[in-house]
Structure formats: structure tokens, C-alpha cells
Amino acid sequence: MPLDSKQAAQLKRFGANVRRQRQKRGLTQEKLAEKVELNPRTVQKIEAGDVNILLTTVLRIQRALGCSWDDLLG
């Protein structure tokens, strides 16, 4: 099912928050991918807001970055 504009905007915001938190911690996309056990290309797509990921993947990212849910979803 295609995303509506509001959902697409939420994915973009989430991706920007992931990028901000990753950079704040001095991690490369490759290093975050390694910590979360994802392909680096997937991390690129997440940060670009181009992929709708599972909640379990959000949890893995949140744990790897050591940040709050609000930091990622707020």
C-alpha cells in the first residue's frame, strides 16, 4: 500500500533524526549498519526516508545509538 504524504513526511523526519543522532555520536553509516546488523545501503535508505522499516529495526537502531524514542520519533 502506498504511503500518503503525511506518512512519507514522518519517514523523512525519522530518517533525519537517525542521521542527527548517528552524527552526534561520531558514527559512520557503515559503523551504525554494523552495530544494527543491517546493510549500509539500508541505513542510507532509512536516513533518506525511502524505506518503511519494522518496529524491531527501530528498536535496534535506538539501542545502538543509545538515544530515547523521542530523539528518533519526536
PDB file of N, CA and C in Angstrom:
ATOM      1  N   MET A   1       0.843  -1.166   0.000  1.00  0.00           N
ATOM      2  CA  MET A   1       0.000   0.000   0.000  1.00  0.00           C
ATOM      3  C   MET A   1       0.898   1.241   0.000  1.00  0.00           C
ATOM      4  N   PRO A   2       0.675   2.154  -0.925  1.00  0.00           N
ATOM      5  CA  PRO A   2       1.492   3.368  -0.978  1.00  0.00           C
ATOM      6  C   PRO A   2       1.257   4.261   0.243  1.00  0.00           C
ATOM      7  N   LEU A   3       2.290   4.989   0.591  1.00  0.00           N
ATOM      8  CA  LEU A   3       2.202   5.901   1.730  1.00  0.00           C
ATOM      9  C   LEU A   3       1.523   7.198   1.308  1.00  0.00           C
ATOM     10  N   ASP A   4       0.767   7.776   2.245  1.00  0.00           N
ATOM     11  CA  ASP A   4       0.220   9.107   1.969  1.00  0.00           C
ATOM     12  C   ASP A   4       1.302  10.138   2.304  1.00  0.00           C
ATOM     13  N   SER A   5       1.035  11.393   2.009  1.00  0.00           N
ATOM     14  CA  SER A   5       2.053  12.431   2.185  1.00  0.00           C
ATOM     15  C   SER A   5       2.455  12.608   3.655  1.00  0.00           C
ATOM     16  N   LYS A   6       1.502  12.441   4.568  1.00  0.00           N
ATOM     17  CA  LYS A   6       1.821  12.566   5.994  1.00  0.00           C
ATOM     18  C   LYS A   6       2.763  11.446   6.436  1.00  0.00           C
ATOM     19  N   GLN A   7       2.494  10.209   5.995  1.00  0.00           N
ATOM     20  CA  GLN A   7       3.352   9.084   6.349  1.00  0.00           C
ATOM     21  C   GLN A   7       4.745   9.259   5.756  1.00  0.00           C
ATOM     22  N   ALA A   8       4.808   9.705   4.511  1.00  0.00           N
ATOM     23  CA  ALA A   8       6.104   9.936   3.862  1.00  0.00           C
ATOM     24  C   ALA A   8       6.895  10.991   4.625  1.00  0.00           C
ATOM     25  N   ALA A   9       6.236  12.041   5.071  1.00  0.00           N
ATOM     26  CA  ALA A   9       6.906  13.093   5.838  1.00  0.00           C
ATOM     27  C   ALA A   9       7.423  12.549   7.172  1.00  0.00           C
ATOM     28  N   GLN A  10       6.661  11.655   7.796  1.00  0.00           N
ATOM     29  CA  GLN A  10       7.104  11.053   9.060  1.00  0.00           C
ATOM     30  C   GLN A  10       8.354  10.206   8.846  1.00  0.00           C
ATOM     31  N   LEU A  11       8.405   9.463   7.750  1.00  0.00           N
ATOM     32  CA  LEU A  11       9.595   8.662   7.453  1.00  0.00           C
ATOM     33  C   LEU A  11      10.806   9.561   7.213  1.00  0.00           C
ATOM     34  N   LYS A  12      10.607  10.670   6.528  1.00  0.00           N
ATOM     35  CA  LYS A  12      11.699  11.615   6.285  1.00  0.00           C
ATOM     36  C   LYS A  12      12.206  12.193   7.607  1.00  0.00           C
ATOM     37  N   ARG A  13      11.280  12.554   8.492  1.00  0.00           N
ATOM     38  CA  ARG A  13      11.656  13.106   9.797  1.00  0.00           C
ATOM     39  C   ARG A  13      12.411  12.062  10.629  1.00  0.00           C
ATOM     40  N   PHE A  14      11.907  10.826  10.625  1.00  0.00           N
ATOM     41  CA  PHE A  14      12.591   9.753  11.345  1.00  0.00           C
ATOM     42  C   PHE A  14      14.011   9.580  10.803  1.00  0.00           C
ATOM     43  N   GLY A  15      14.138   9.535   9.483  1.00  0.00           N
ATOM     44  CA  GLY A  15      15.458   9.375   8.864  1.00  0.00           C
ATOM     45  C   GLY A  15      16.409  10.501   9.238  1.00  0.00           C
ATOM     46  N   ALA A  16      15.903  11.723   9.233  1.00  0.00           N
ATOM     47  CA  ALA A  16      16.728  12.875   9.623  1.00  0.00           C
ATOM     48  C   ALA A  16      17.149  12.764  11.081  1.00  0.00           C
ATOM     49  N   ASN A  17      16.259  12.287  11.934  1.00  0.00           N
ATOM     50  CA  ASN A  17      16.585  12.104  13.353  1.00  0.00           C
ATOM     51  C   ASN A  17      17.640  11.025  13.537  1.00  0.00           C
ATOM     52  N   VAL A  18      17.542   9.930  12.780  1.00  0.00           N
ATOM     53  CA  VAL A  18      18.563   8.875  12.845  1.00  0.00           C
ATOM     54  C   VAL A  18      19.908   9.464  12.441  1.00  0.00           C
ATOM     55  N   ARG A  19      19.936  10.191  11.332  1.00  0.00           N
ATOM     56  CA  ARG A  19      21.186  10.800  10.855  1.00  0.00           C
ATOM     57  C   ARG A  19      21.772  11.742  11.921  1.00  0.00           C
ATOM     58  N   ARG A  20      20.929  12.568  12.492  1.00  0.00           N
ATOM     59  CA  ARG A  20      21.387  13.528  13.514  1.00  0.00           C
ATOM     60  C   ARG A  20      21.994  12.795  14.717  1.00  0.00           C
ATOM     61  N   GLN A  21      21.305  11.770  15.200  1.00  0.00           N
ATOM     62  CA  GLN A  21      21.795  11.022  16.358  1.00  0.00           C
ATOM     63  C   GLN A  21      23.073  10.249  16.021  1.00  0.00           C
ATOM     64  N   ARG A  22      23.146   9.709  14.818  1.00  0.00           N
ATOM     65  CA  ARG A  22      24.355   8.979  14.386  1.00  0.00           C
ATOM     66  C   ARG A  22      25.547   9.925  14.337  1.00  0.00           C
ATOM     67  N   GLN A  23      25.357  11.071  13.706  1.00  0.00           N
ATOM     68  CA  GLN A  23      26.449  12.033  13.587  1.00  0.00           C
ATOM     69  C   GLN A  23      26.856  12.590  14.948  1.00  0.00           C
ATOM     70  N   LYS A  24      25.886  12.796  15.825  1.00  0.00           N
ATOM     71  CA  LYS A  24      26.156  13.285  17.176  1.00  0.00           C
ATOM     72  C   LYS A  24      27.101  12.343  17.921  1.00  0.00           C
ATOM     73  N   ARG A  25      27.006  11.069  17.608  1.00  0.00           N
ATOM     74  CA  ARG A  25      27.836  10.054  18.269  1.00  0.00           C
ATOM     75  C   ARG A  25      29.100   9.720  17.475  1.00  0.00           C
ATOM     76  N   GLY A  26      29.314  10.425  16.371  1.00  0.00           N
ATOM     77  CA  GLY A  26      30.530  10.224  15.588  1.00  0.00           C
ATOM     78  C   GLY A  26      30.576   8.911  14.830  1.00  0.00           C
ATOM     79  N   LEU A  27      29.405   8.361  14.506  1.00  0.00           N
ATOM     80  CA  LEU A  27      29.350   7.090  13.790  1.00  0.00           C
ATOM     81  C   LEU A  27      29.163   7.325  12.296  1.00  0.00           C
ATOM     82  N   THR A  28      29.800   6.482  11.497  1.00  0.00           N
ATOM     83  CA  THR A  28      29.527   6.476  10.059  1.00  0.00           C
ATOM     84  C   THR A  28      28.292   5.625   9.811  1.00  0.00           C
ATOM     85  N   GLN A  29      27.731   5.738   8.618  1.00  0.00           N
ATOM     86  CA  GLN A  29      26.602   4.879   8.264  1.00  0.00           C
ATOM     87  C   GLN A  29      27.030   3.415   8.310  1.00  0.00           C
ATOM     88  N   GLU A  30      28.252   3.143   7.893  1.00  0.00           N
ATOM     89  CA  GLU A  30      28.756   1.769   7.894  1.00  0.00           C
ATOM     90  C   GLU A  30      28.866   1.216   9.313  1.00  0.00           C
ATOM     91  N   LYS A  31      29.355   2.046  10.244  1.00  0.00           N
ATOM     92  CA  LYS A  31      29.502   1.594  11.633  1.00  0.00           C
ATOM     93  C   LYS A  31      28.135   1.354  12.267  1.00  0.00           C
ATOM     94  N   LEU A  32      27.174   2.258  12.009  1.00  0.00           N
ATOM     95  CA  LEU A  32      25.821   2.036  12.534  1.00  0.00           C
ATOM     96  C   LEU A  32      25.228   0.771  11.939  1.00  0.00           C
ATOM     97  N   ALA A  33      25.420   0.573  10.657  1.00  0.00           N
ATOM     98  CA  ALA A  33      24.901  -0.631   9.994  1.00  0.00           C
ATOM     99  C   ALA A  33      25.470  -1.889  10.652  1.00  0.00           C
ATOM    100  N   GLU A  34      26.743  -1.861  10.951  1.00  0.00           N
ATOM    101  CA  GLU A  34      27.388  -2.991  11.611  1.00  0.00           C
ATOM    102  C   GLU A  34      26.769  -3.245  12.991  1.00  0.00           C
ATOM    103  N   LYS A  35      26.576  -2.184  13.766  1.00  0.00           N
ATOM    104  CA  LYS A  35      26.006  -2.319  15.112  1.00  0.00           C
ATOM    105  C   LYS A  35      24.576  -2.841  15.085  1.00  0.00           C
ATOM    106  N   VAL A  36      23.824  -2.465  14.048  1.00  0.00           N
ATOM    107  CA  VAL A  36      22.409  -2.827  13.963  1.00  0.00           C
ATOM    108  C   VAL A  36      22.196  -4.078  13.110  1.00  0.00           C
ATOM    109  N   GLU A  37      23.289  -4.572  12.523  1.00  0.00           N
ATOM    110  CA  GLU A  37      23.247  -5.753  11.657  1.00  0.00           C
ATOM    111  C   GLU A  37      22.357  -5.522  10.441  1.00  0.00           C
ATOM    112  N   LEU A  38      22.620  -4.393   9.768  1.00  0.00           N
ATOM    113  CA  LEU A  38      21.937  -4.053   8.529  1.00  0.00           C
ATOM    114  C   LEU A  38      22.977  -3.800   7.448  1.00  0.00           C
ATOM    115  N   ASN A  39      22.547  -3.833   6.222  1.00  0.00           N
ATOM    116  CA  ASN A  39      23.390  -3.449   5.112  1.00  0.00           C
ATOM    117  C   ASN A  39      23.552  -1.930   5.156  1.00  0.00           C
ATOM    118  N   PRO A  40      24.758  -1.415   4.905  1.00  0.00           N
ATOM    119  CA  PRO A  40      24.937   0.040   4.912  1.00  0.00           C
ATOM    120  C   PRO A  40      23.987   0.764   3.953  1.00  0.00           C
ATOM    121  N   ARG A  41      23.647   0.152   2.851  1.00  0.00           N
ATOM    122  CA  ARG A  41      22.703   0.764   1.906  1.00  0.00           C
ATOM    123  C   ARG A  41      21.328   0.933   2.560  1.00  0.00           C
ATOM    124  N   THR A  42      20.945   0.001   3.428  1.00  0.00           N
ATOM    125  CA  THR A  42      19.674   0.114   4.132  1.00  0.00           C
ATOM    126  C   THR A  42      19.688   1.307   5.077  1.00  0.00           C
ATOM    127  N   VAL A  43      20.807   1.529   5.758  1.00  0.00           N
ATOM    128  CA  VAL A  43      20.928   2.697   6.629  1.00  0.00           C
ATOM    129  C   VAL A  43      20.794   3.972   5.797  1.00  0.00           C
ATOM    130  N   GLN A  44      21.406   3.992   4.628  1.00  0.00           N
ATOM    131  CA  GLN A  44      21.280   5.149   3.732  1.00  0.00           C
ATOM    132  C   GLN A  44      19.816   5.403   3.379  1.00  0.00           C
ATOM    133  N   LYS A  45      19.098   4.339   3.057  1.00  0.00           N
ATOM    134  CA  LYS A  45      17.680   4.463   2.691  1.00  0.00           C
ATOM    135  C   LYS A  45      16.830   4.917   3.874  1.00  0.00           C
ATOM    136  N   ILE A  46      17.149   4.417   5.067  1.00  0.00           N
ATOM    137  CA  ILE A  46      16.421   4.833   6.276  1.00  0.00           C
ATOM    138  C   ILE A  46      16.625   6.326   6.499  1.00  0.00           C
ATOM    139  N   GLU A  47      17.868   6.768   6.432  1.00  0.00           N
ATOM    140  CA  GLU A  47      18.166   8.179   6.671  1.00  0.00           C
ATOM    141  C   GLU A  47      17.544   9.085   5.605  1.00  0.00           C
ATOM    142  N   ALA A  48      17.366   8.561   4.411  1.00  0.00           N
ATOM    143  CA  ALA A  48      16.743   9.340   3.335  1.00  0.00           C
ATOM    144  C   ALA A  48      15.225   9.313   3.423  1.00  0.00           C
ATOM    145  N   GLY A  49      14.689   8.461   4.309  1.00  0.00           N
ATOM    146  CA  GLY A  49      13.242   8.330   4.432  1.00  0.00           C
ATOM    147  C   GLY A  49      12.624   7.553   3.289  1.00  0.00           C
ATOM    148  N   ASP A  50      13.443   6.704   2.651  1.00  0.00           N
ATOM    149  CA  ASP A  50      12.999   5.960   1.476  1.00  0.00           C
ATOM    150  C   ASP A  50      12.491   4.557   1.767  1.00  0.00           C
ATOM    151  N   VAL A  51      12.541   4.145   3.029  1.00  0.00           N
ATOM    152  CA  VAL A  51      12.125   2.786   3.357  1.00  0.00           C
ATOM    153  C   VAL A  51      11.324   2.790   4.652  1.00  0.00           C
ATOM    154  N   ASN A  52      10.255   2.025   4.662  1.00  0.00           N
ATOM    155  CA  ASN A  52       9.408   1.868   5.832  1.00  0.00           C
ATOM    156  C   ASN A  52       9.909   0.626   6.573  1.00  0.00           C
ATOM    157  N   ILE A  53      10.480   0.814   7.754  1.00  0.00           N
ATOM    158  CA  ILE A  53      11.126  -0.294   8.445  1.00  0.00           C
ATOM    159  C   ILE A  53      10.260  -0.847   9.565  1.00  0.00           C
ATOM    160  N   LEU A  54      10.611  -2.038   9.992  1.00  0.00           N
ATOM    161  CA  LEU A  54       9.903  -2.698  11.084  1.00  0.00           C
ATOM    162  C   LEU A  54      10.196  -2.017  12.422  1.00  0.00           C
ATOM    163  N   LEU A  55       9.257  -2.102  13.312  1.00  0.00           N
ATOM    164  CA  LEU A  55       9.435  -1.550  14.652  1.00  0.00           C
ATOM    165  C   LEU A  55      10.629  -2.195  15.351  1.00  0.00           C
ATOM    166  N   THR A  56      10.858  -3.465  15.112  1.00  0.00           N
ATOM    167  CA  THR A  56      12.005  -4.131  15.727  1.00  0.00           C
ATOM    168  C   THR A  56      13.317  -3.543  15.228  1.00  0.00           C
ATOM    169  N   THR A  57      13.349  -3.080  13.991  1.00  0.00           N
ATOM    170  CA  THR A  57      14.546  -2.422  13.468  1.00  0.00           C
ATOM    171  C   THR A  57      14.715  -1.053  14.109  1.00  0.00           C
ATOM    172  N   VAL A  58      13.619  -0.345  14.325  1.00  0.00           N
ATOM    173  CA  VAL A  58      13.676   0.945  15.030  1.00  0.00           C
ATOM    174  C   VAL A  58      14.268   0.717  16.424  1.00  0.00           C
ATOM    175  N   LEU A  59      13.835  -0.318  17.102  1.00  0.00           N
ATOM    176  CA  LEU A  59      14.348  -0.629  18.438  1.00  0.00           C
ATOM    177  C   LEU A  59      15.844  -0.912  18.392  1.00  0.00           C
ATOM    178  N   ARG A  60      16.302  -1.679  17.404  1.00  0.00           N
ATOM    179  CA  ARG A  60      17.734  -1.970  17.274  1.00  0.00           C
ATOM    180  C   ARG A  60      18.535  -0.692  17.038  1.00  0.00           C
ATOM    181  N   ILE A  61      18.009   0.200  16.210  1.00  0.00           N
ATOM    182  CA  ILE A  61      18.681   1.477  15.951  1.00  0.00           C
ATOM    183  C   ILE A  61      18.729   2.307  17.226  1.00  0.00           C
ATOM    184  N   GLN A  62      17.602   2.375  17.925  1.00  0.00           N
ATOM    185  CA  GLN A  62      17.528   3.148  19.168  1.00  0.00           C
ATOM    186  C   GLN A  62      18.542   2.633  20.185  1.00  0.00           C
ATOM    187  N   ARG A  63      18.654   1.343  20.321  1.00  0.00           N
ATOM    188  CA  ARG A  63      19.614   0.764  21.265  1.00  0.00           C
ATOM    189  C   ARG A  63      21.054   1.020  20.826  1.00  0.00           C
ATOM    190  N   ALA A  64      21.322   0.878  19.530  1.00  0.00           N
ATOM    191  CA  ALA A  64      22.681   1.085  19.025  1.00  0.00           C
ATOM    192  C   ALA A  64      23.131   2.528  19.210  1.00  0.00           C
ATOM    193  N   LEU A  65      22.200   3.454  19.073  1.00  0.00           N
ATOM    194  CA  LEU A  65      22.534   4.873  19.228  1.00  0.00           C
ATOM    195  C   LEU A  65      22.472   5.327  20.684  1.00  0.00           C
ATOM    196  N   GLY A  66      21.829   4.527  21.541  1.00  0.00           N
ATOM    197  CA  GLY A  66      21.719   4.888  22.946  1.00  0.00           C
ATOM    198  C   GLY A  66      20.937   6.175  23.153  1.00  0.00           C
ATOM    199  N   CYS A  67      19.902   6.351  22.367  1.00  0.00           N
ATOM    200  CA  CYS A  67      19.084   7.556  22.479  1.00  0.00           C
ATOM    201  C   CYS A  67      17.650   7.178  22.843  1.00  0.00           C
ATOM    202  N   SER A  68      16.850   8.172  23.118  1.00  0.00           N
ATOM    203  CA  SER A  68      15.456   7.919  23.505  1.00  0.00           C
ATOM    204  C   SER A  68      14.590   7.745  22.276  1.00  0.00           C
ATOM    205  N   TRP A  69      13.398   7.213  22.488  1.00  0.00           N
ATOM    206  CA  TRP A  69      12.413   7.101  21.422  1.00  0.00           C
ATOM    207  C   TRP A  69      12.079   8.476  20.887  1.00  0.00           C
ATOM    208  N   ASP A  70      11.953   9.447  21.796  1.00  0.00           N
ATOM    209  CA  ASP A  70      11.639  10.818  21.375  1.00  0.00           C
ATOM    210  C   ASP A  70      12.693  11.399  20.460  1.00  0.00           C
ATOM    211  N   ASP A  71      13.960  11.033  20.704  1.00  0.00           N
ATOM    212  CA  ASP A  71      15.045  11.527  19.847  1.00  0.00           C
ATOM    213  C   ASP A  71      14.853  11.053  18.404  1.00  0.00           C
ATOM    214  N   LEU A  72      14.306   9.869  18.240  1.00  0.00           N
ATOM    215  CA  LEU A  72      14.113   9.320  16.899  1.00  0.00           C
ATOM    216  C   LEU A  72      12.751   9.630  16.307  1.00  0.00           C
ATOM    217  N   LEU A  73      11.730   9.588  17.149  1.00  0.00           N
ATOM    218  CA  LEU A  73      10.364   9.694  16.622  1.00  0.00           C
ATOM    219  C   LEU A  73       9.741  11.057  16.838  1.00  0.00           C
ATOM    220  N   GLY A  74      10.348  11.866  17.711  1.00  0.00           N
ATOM    221  CA  GLY A  74       9.765  13.165  18.045  1.00  0.00           C
ATOM    222  C   GLY A  74       9.881  14.190  16.941  1.00  0.00           C
TER     223      GLY A  74
END
